[in-house]
Every structure is written in C-alpha cells, then in structure tokens.
N, C-alpha and C. Protein backbone atom coordinates (compact mmCIF):
# COMPACT_ATOMS: atom_id res chain seq x y z
N MET A 1 -31.96 -22.02 -28.13
CA MET A 1 -31.32 -20.89 -28.81
C MET A 1 -31.25 -21.23 -30.30
N ASN A 2 -31.75 -20.32 -31.11
CA ASN A 2 -31.75 -20.60 -32.55
C ASN A 2 -30.37 -20.32 -33.17
N GLU A 3 -30.24 -20.69 -34.43
CA GLU A 3 -28.95 -20.59 -35.14
C GLU A 3 -28.45 -19.15 -35.24
N ILE A 4 -29.36 -18.21 -35.50
CA ILE A 4 -28.97 -16.80 -35.61
C ILE A 4 -28.42 -16.30 -34.27
N SER A 5 -29.07 -16.66 -33.18
CA SER A 5 -28.61 -16.26 -31.85
C SER A 5 -27.24 -16.85 -31.54
N LYS A 6 -27.03 -18.10 -31.91
CA LYS A 6 -25.74 -18.76 -31.68
C LYS A 6 -24.63 -18.06 -32.47
N ASN A 7 -24.91 -17.75 -33.74
CA ASN A 7 -23.91 -17.06 -34.57
C ASN A 7 -23.60 -15.68 -34.03
N LEU A 8 -24.65 -14.95 -33.64
CA LEU A 8 -24.46 -13.61 -33.10
C LEU A 8 -23.67 -13.67 -31.80
N LEU A 9 -24.02 -14.61 -30.95
CA LEU A 9 -23.28 -14.77 -29.69
C LEU A 9 -21.82 -15.09 -29.96
N GLY A 10 -21.56 -15.95 -30.91
CA GLY A 10 -20.18 -16.30 -31.26
C GLY A 10 -19.41 -15.10 -31.77
N GLU A 11 -20.02 -14.33 -32.65
CA GLU A 11 -19.36 -13.14 -33.20
C GLU A 11 -19.10 -12.10 -32.10
N LEU A 12 -20.08 -11.89 -31.25
CA LEU A 12 -19.91 -10.92 -30.17
C LEU A 12 -18.84 -11.37 -29.18
N THR A 13 -18.79 -12.65 -28.91
CA THR A 13 -17.77 -13.20 -28.01
C THR A 13 -16.38 -12.94 -28.56
N VAL A 14 -16.19 -13.16 -29.86
CA VAL A 14 -14.90 -12.91 -30.50
C VAL A 14 -14.53 -11.44 -30.40
N LEU A 15 -15.47 -10.55 -30.68
CA LEU A 15 -15.21 -9.10 -30.59
C LEU A 15 -14.81 -8.70 -29.17
N ILE A 16 -15.53 -9.20 -28.20
CA ILE A 16 -15.24 -8.86 -26.80
C ILE A 16 -13.87 -9.37 -26.40
N GLU A 17 -13.55 -10.61 -26.74
CA GLU A 17 -12.26 -11.19 -26.37
C GLU A 17 -11.10 -10.49 -27.07
N GLN A 18 -11.28 -10.10 -28.32
CA GLN A 18 -10.24 -9.36 -29.03
C GLN A 18 -10.01 -8.00 -28.37
N SER A 19 -11.08 -7.33 -28.01
CA SER A 19 -10.96 -6.02 -27.35
C SER A 19 -10.30 -6.16 -25.98
N GLN A 20 -10.65 -7.19 -25.26
CA GLN A 20 -10.02 -7.42 -23.96
C GLN A 20 -8.52 -7.65 -24.11
N GLN A 21 -8.13 -8.43 -25.10
CA GLN A 21 -6.72 -8.70 -25.35
C GLN A 21 -5.98 -7.43 -25.73
N GLN A 22 -6.59 -6.60 -26.58
CA GLN A 22 -5.98 -5.32 -26.96
C GLN A 22 -5.82 -4.41 -25.75
N ALA A 23 -6.80 -4.42 -24.86
CA ALA A 23 -6.73 -3.59 -23.65
C ALA A 23 -5.59 -4.05 -22.75
N VAL A 24 -5.42 -5.35 -22.61
CA VAL A 24 -4.33 -5.89 -21.79
C VAL A 24 -2.97 -5.49 -22.37
N ILE A 25 -2.83 -5.61 -23.68
CA ILE A 25 -1.57 -5.23 -24.33
C ILE A 25 -1.30 -3.74 -24.12
N TYR A 26 -2.31 -2.92 -24.28
CA TYR A 26 -2.16 -1.48 -24.10
C TYR A 26 -1.77 -1.14 -22.66
N ILE A 27 -2.44 -1.75 -21.71
CA ILE A 27 -2.14 -1.49 -20.29
C ILE A 27 -0.72 -1.92 -19.96
N ASN A 28 -0.32 -3.13 -20.39
CA ASN A 28 1.04 -3.60 -20.13
C ASN A 28 2.08 -2.68 -20.76
N SER A 29 1.83 -2.26 -21.98
CA SER A 29 2.75 -1.37 -22.67
C SER A 29 2.86 -0.03 -21.95
N THR A 30 1.74 0.50 -21.54
CA THR A 30 1.72 1.79 -20.83
C THR A 30 2.45 1.70 -19.50
N LEU A 31 2.20 0.63 -18.74
CA LEU A 31 2.88 0.47 -17.45
C LEU A 31 4.39 0.29 -17.63
N THR A 32 4.79 -0.50 -18.59
CA THR A 32 6.21 -0.72 -18.84
C THR A 32 6.88 0.58 -19.26
N SER A 33 6.22 1.35 -20.09
CA SER A 33 6.76 2.66 -20.49
C SER A 33 6.85 3.60 -19.29
N LEU A 34 5.84 3.58 -18.44
CA LEU A 34 5.86 4.39 -17.23
C LEU A 34 7.04 4.01 -16.35
N PHE A 35 7.26 2.72 -16.15
CA PHE A 35 8.36 2.27 -15.29
C PHE A 35 9.71 2.68 -15.87
N TRP A 36 9.85 2.64 -17.20
CA TRP A 36 11.09 3.10 -17.82
C TRP A 36 11.27 4.59 -17.56
N GLN A 37 10.21 5.36 -17.74
CA GLN A 37 10.30 6.81 -17.54
C GLN A 37 10.63 7.17 -16.09
N ILE A 38 10.07 6.44 -15.14
CA ILE A 38 10.38 6.66 -13.73
C ILE A 38 11.86 6.37 -13.48
N GLY A 39 12.33 5.23 -13.95
CA GLY A 39 13.74 4.87 -13.76
C GLY A 39 14.66 5.88 -14.42
N ASN A 40 14.31 6.31 -15.61
CA ASN A 40 15.12 7.28 -16.33
C ASN A 40 15.13 8.63 -15.59
N LYS A 41 13.99 9.05 -15.12
CA LYS A 41 13.89 10.33 -14.40
C LYS A 41 14.73 10.30 -13.14
N ILE A 42 14.67 9.22 -12.39
CA ILE A 42 15.48 9.10 -11.17
C ILE A 42 16.95 9.12 -11.53
N ASN A 43 17.35 8.33 -12.53
CA ASN A 43 18.76 8.27 -12.92
C ASN A 43 19.28 9.61 -13.39
N GLN A 44 18.54 10.29 -14.23
CA GLN A 44 19.04 11.52 -14.84
C GLN A 44 18.85 12.75 -13.95
N ASP A 45 17.66 12.94 -13.44
CA ASP A 45 17.36 14.18 -12.75
C ASP A 45 17.79 14.19 -11.29
N ILE A 46 17.59 13.09 -10.61
CA ILE A 46 17.88 13.06 -9.18
C ILE A 46 19.32 12.64 -8.90
N LEU A 47 19.73 11.56 -9.52
CA LEU A 47 21.06 11.01 -9.22
C LEU A 47 22.14 11.52 -10.16
N LYS A 48 21.75 12.19 -11.22
CA LYS A 48 22.71 12.70 -12.21
C LYS A 48 23.63 11.58 -12.70
N ASN A 49 23.04 10.36 -12.81
CA ASN A 49 23.77 9.18 -13.28
C ASN A 49 25.00 8.85 -12.44
N LYS A 50 24.99 9.21 -11.17
CA LYS A 50 26.08 8.87 -10.25
C LYS A 50 25.52 8.02 -9.13
N ARG A 51 26.38 7.31 -8.50
CA ARG A 51 25.98 6.44 -7.40
C ARG A 51 26.58 6.95 -6.08
N ALA A 52 26.25 8.13 -5.71
CA ALA A 52 26.76 8.69 -4.46
C ALA A 52 26.04 8.06 -3.28
N ASP A 53 26.65 8.17 -2.09
CA ASP A 53 26.04 7.61 -0.89
C ASP A 53 24.65 8.17 -0.63
N TYR A 54 24.49 9.45 -0.87
CA TYR A 54 23.20 10.07 -0.61
C TYR A 54 22.10 9.55 -1.53
N SER A 55 22.48 8.98 -2.67
CA SER A 55 21.48 8.51 -3.62
C SER A 55 20.63 7.39 -3.03
N LYS A 56 21.23 6.54 -2.20
CA LYS A 56 20.46 5.47 -1.57
C LYS A 56 19.35 6.05 -0.72
N GLN A 57 19.67 7.10 0.01
CA GLN A 57 18.67 7.72 0.87
C GLN A 57 17.57 8.38 0.05
N ILE A 58 17.95 9.04 -1.03
CA ILE A 58 16.96 9.70 -1.88
C ILE A 58 15.99 8.68 -2.46
N VAL A 59 16.53 7.61 -3.01
CA VAL A 59 15.69 6.58 -3.64
C VAL A 59 14.81 5.90 -2.59
N SER A 60 15.37 5.64 -1.43
CA SER A 60 14.61 5.01 -0.35
C SER A 60 13.45 5.91 0.10
N THR A 61 13.71 7.17 0.28
CA THR A 61 12.67 8.12 0.68
C THR A 61 11.60 8.24 -0.39
N LEU A 62 12.04 8.35 -1.62
CA LEU A 62 11.11 8.44 -2.75
C LEU A 62 10.23 7.20 -2.82
N SER A 63 10.84 6.05 -2.63
CA SER A 63 10.10 4.79 -2.65
C SER A 63 9.03 4.76 -1.57
N THR A 64 9.38 5.17 -0.37
CA THR A 64 8.41 5.19 0.73
C THR A 64 7.24 6.11 0.39
N GLN A 65 7.55 7.27 -0.13
CA GLN A 65 6.49 8.23 -0.47
C GLN A 65 5.59 7.70 -1.59
N LEU A 66 6.19 7.17 -2.64
CA LEU A 66 5.39 6.64 -3.75
C LEU A 66 4.58 5.43 -3.33
N SER A 67 5.17 4.56 -2.52
CA SER A 67 4.46 3.36 -2.05
C SER A 67 3.25 3.74 -1.21
N ASN A 68 3.41 4.76 -0.39
CA ASN A 68 2.28 5.21 0.43
C ASN A 68 1.13 5.72 -0.42
N ILE A 69 1.45 6.33 -1.54
CA ILE A 69 0.42 6.88 -2.42
C ILE A 69 -0.11 5.84 -3.40
N TYR A 70 0.81 5.07 -4.04
CA TYR A 70 0.43 4.21 -5.17
C TYR A 70 0.56 2.71 -4.94
N GLY A 71 1.11 2.29 -3.82
CA GLY A 71 1.15 0.87 -3.52
C GLY A 71 2.48 0.19 -3.79
N LYS A 72 2.42 -1.15 -3.76
CA LYS A 72 3.62 -2.00 -3.79
C LYS A 72 4.49 -1.86 -5.03
N ASN A 73 3.93 -1.46 -6.15
CA ASN A 73 4.74 -1.34 -7.37
C ASN A 73 5.91 -0.39 -7.20
N PHE A 74 5.86 0.45 -6.19
CA PHE A 74 6.89 1.48 -6.05
C PHE A 74 7.77 1.26 -4.82
N GLU A 75 7.80 0.02 -4.32
CA GLU A 75 8.71 -0.33 -3.24
C GLU A 75 10.14 -0.21 -3.75
N LEU A 76 11.07 -0.11 -2.82
CA LEU A 76 12.47 0.16 -3.14
C LEU A 76 13.03 -0.81 -4.19
N ARG A 77 12.76 -2.08 -4.01
CA ARG A 77 13.28 -3.08 -4.95
C ARG A 77 12.79 -2.79 -6.38
N ASN A 78 11.53 -2.43 -6.50
CA ASN A 78 10.98 -2.16 -7.82
C ASN A 78 11.52 -0.85 -8.40
N LEU A 79 11.71 0.16 -7.57
CA LEU A 79 12.31 1.40 -8.08
C LEU A 79 13.71 1.14 -8.61
N ARG A 80 14.46 0.32 -7.91
CA ARG A 80 15.81 -0.03 -8.39
C ARG A 80 15.74 -0.77 -9.72
N ARG A 81 14.75 -1.64 -9.86
CA ARG A 81 14.58 -2.34 -11.14
C ARG A 81 14.25 -1.35 -12.26
N MET A 82 13.42 -0.38 -11.96
CA MET A 82 13.07 0.64 -12.96
C MET A 82 14.31 1.42 -13.38
N MET A 83 15.15 1.74 -12.41
CA MET A 83 16.40 2.45 -12.71
C MET A 83 17.31 1.59 -13.57
N GLN A 84 17.43 0.33 -13.22
CA GLN A 84 18.26 -0.60 -13.99
C GLN A 84 17.68 -0.78 -15.39
N PHE A 85 16.38 -0.87 -15.49
CA PHE A 85 15.68 -1.02 -16.76
C PHE A 85 16.01 0.14 -17.70
N SER A 86 15.93 1.36 -17.20
CA SER A 86 16.21 2.51 -18.07
C SER A 86 17.69 2.62 -18.42
N GLU A 87 18.54 2.10 -17.56
CA GLU A 87 19.98 2.09 -17.87
C GLU A 87 20.29 1.08 -18.97
N GLN A 88 19.65 -0.08 -18.91
CA GLN A 88 19.95 -1.14 -19.86
C GLN A 88 19.23 -0.98 -21.20
N PHE A 89 18.08 -0.39 -21.18
CA PHE A 89 17.32 -0.14 -22.41
C PHE A 89 17.26 1.38 -22.60
N ARG A 90 18.38 1.94 -23.00
CA ARG A 90 18.52 3.40 -23.05
C ARG A 90 17.68 4.08 -24.12
N ASP A 91 17.46 3.41 -25.23
CA ASP A 91 16.75 4.02 -26.34
C ASP A 91 15.25 3.75 -26.22
N PHE A 92 14.53 4.77 -25.82
CA PHE A 92 13.08 4.64 -25.61
C PHE A 92 12.36 4.29 -26.90
N GLU A 93 12.86 4.77 -28.03
CA GLU A 93 12.23 4.48 -29.33
C GLU A 93 12.36 3.00 -29.70
N VAL A 94 13.43 2.36 -29.29
CA VAL A 94 13.60 0.91 -29.51
C VAL A 94 12.71 0.15 -28.54
N LEU A 95 12.57 0.68 -27.36
CA LEU A 95 11.80 0.01 -26.31
C LEU A 95 10.31 -0.05 -26.61
N ILE A 96 9.75 1.00 -27.17
CA ILE A 96 8.30 1.09 -27.36
C ILE A 96 7.71 -0.14 -28.08
N PRO A 97 8.25 -0.55 -29.24
CA PRO A 97 7.66 -1.74 -29.88
C PRO A 97 7.81 -3.00 -29.03
N LEU A 98 8.88 -3.08 -28.25
CA LEU A 98 9.07 -4.25 -27.39
C LEU A 98 8.01 -4.31 -26.28
N THR A 99 7.58 -3.14 -25.81
CA THR A 99 6.58 -3.12 -24.73
C THR A 99 5.22 -3.64 -25.19
N GLN A 100 5.01 -3.69 -26.49
CA GLN A 100 3.75 -4.23 -26.99
C GLN A 100 3.80 -5.75 -27.09
N GLN A 101 5.00 -6.30 -26.95
CA GLN A 101 5.15 -7.76 -27.02
C GLN A 101 5.54 -8.38 -25.68
N LEU A 102 6.18 -7.59 -24.82
CA LEU A 102 6.67 -8.09 -23.54
C LEU A 102 6.07 -7.28 -22.40
N SER A 103 5.74 -7.96 -21.33
CA SER A 103 5.22 -7.27 -20.14
C SER A 103 6.38 -6.86 -19.23
N TRP A 104 6.08 -6.10 -18.21
CA TRP A 104 7.08 -5.67 -17.24
C TRP A 104 7.78 -6.88 -16.64
N SER A 105 7.04 -7.92 -16.31
CA SER A 105 7.67 -9.11 -15.70
C SER A 105 8.66 -9.77 -16.66
N HIS A 106 8.40 -9.70 -17.96
CA HIS A 106 9.37 -10.22 -18.93
C HIS A 106 10.66 -9.41 -18.89
N PHE A 107 10.53 -8.09 -18.86
CA PHE A 107 11.72 -7.24 -18.81
C PHE A 107 12.50 -7.47 -17.52
N VAL A 108 11.81 -7.68 -16.41
CA VAL A 108 12.49 -7.94 -15.14
C VAL A 108 13.34 -9.21 -15.26
N GLU A 109 12.84 -10.20 -15.96
CA GLU A 109 13.61 -11.44 -16.16
C GLU A 109 14.82 -11.21 -17.06
N LEU A 110 14.74 -10.23 -17.96
CA LEU A 110 15.85 -9.95 -18.88
C LEU A 110 16.96 -9.13 -18.22
N LEU A 111 16.64 -8.39 -17.18
CA LEU A 111 17.62 -7.48 -16.57
C LEU A 111 18.94 -8.16 -16.18
N PRO A 112 18.94 -9.37 -15.64
CA PRO A 112 20.23 -9.98 -15.26
C PRO A 112 21.13 -10.39 -16.44
N LEU A 113 20.57 -10.50 -17.65
CA LEU A 113 21.39 -10.90 -18.80
C LEU A 113 22.47 -9.85 -19.06
N LYS A 114 23.62 -10.29 -19.45
CA LYS A 114 24.80 -9.41 -19.52
C LYS A 114 24.78 -8.39 -20.65
N THR A 115 24.36 -8.79 -21.85
CA THR A 115 24.45 -7.87 -22.98
C THR A 115 23.07 -7.55 -23.52
N PHE A 116 22.97 -6.41 -24.18
CA PHE A 116 21.71 -5.99 -24.78
C PHE A 116 21.31 -6.97 -25.88
N ASP A 117 22.27 -7.44 -26.66
CA ASP A 117 21.98 -8.41 -27.72
C ASP A 117 21.40 -9.69 -27.14
N ALA A 118 21.90 -10.14 -26.01
CA ALA A 118 21.37 -11.34 -25.37
C ALA A 118 19.92 -11.11 -24.96
N LYS A 119 19.61 -9.92 -24.51
CA LYS A 119 18.24 -9.59 -24.11
C LYS A 119 17.30 -9.65 -25.31
N LEU A 120 17.77 -9.17 -26.46
CA LEU A 120 16.93 -9.16 -27.66
C LEU A 120 16.73 -10.54 -28.25
N LEU A 121 17.68 -11.45 -28.00
CA LEU A 121 17.58 -12.80 -28.56
C LEU A 121 16.63 -13.69 -27.78
N VAL A 122 16.38 -13.36 -26.54
CA VAL A 122 15.48 -14.18 -25.71
C VAL A 122 14.11 -13.99 -26.16
C-alpha cells in the first residue's frame, strides 16, 4: 500500500469513526428524550399525577401492551423508571443538553439520588 493510500485510509477511518460516534450520541439522546416523554405522558395524562390504586393496573396493562409490540424496554420496571425520570427531571429544556452527554443507563443510576443538585454534580 503506497503512502497516498495509507493517508486516504487514515482520513476516511477518522471520518467514519466520527460519524459513528455522532450517530451513537444522537440515538442515545433521542431514546432518553423518548423515555422522558413516555414517563411524562403517563404521569400527566393517564395518572393525573396521582397514585391511585387503579394506576398500578393501568401502568401494568400498558407495559404488557407496549412490551408485546416494542420489546423489553417497555417492561413494567422500565415504565416506572420512565415515570420517575420525568418526575425528577421536570424541565425538558434543561434535560435536552444532558441527554447529549448522558445515556439512559446514566440517568437510571442517578434516579436514586435524593436531590436534583446531587444528580447534576455527579
């Protein structure tokens, strides 16, 4: 392989890897935003921000239906996390820049922390 081919290969490799990294960041940000919106929609529209006995049944049924269509990401445990996520990170405009730096799994780890400030310091 001559020098020109090596340089071209190196440049193309960098371009491809940068694009792949940007795609991963975009996908993670989009999924995290989706999960916030799902949690927010359940909290506001279905449960009216109350924890009535019937709410457990609604969320459980919804989880079963979504899981059948879209898979494990929508199991009951994850739907509850999405609901908790939207409760703890109420301001979507503040959340958006964070989703470009943190993945859903990072936010899941932050959920048990007591205060919003503690979450931002981690």
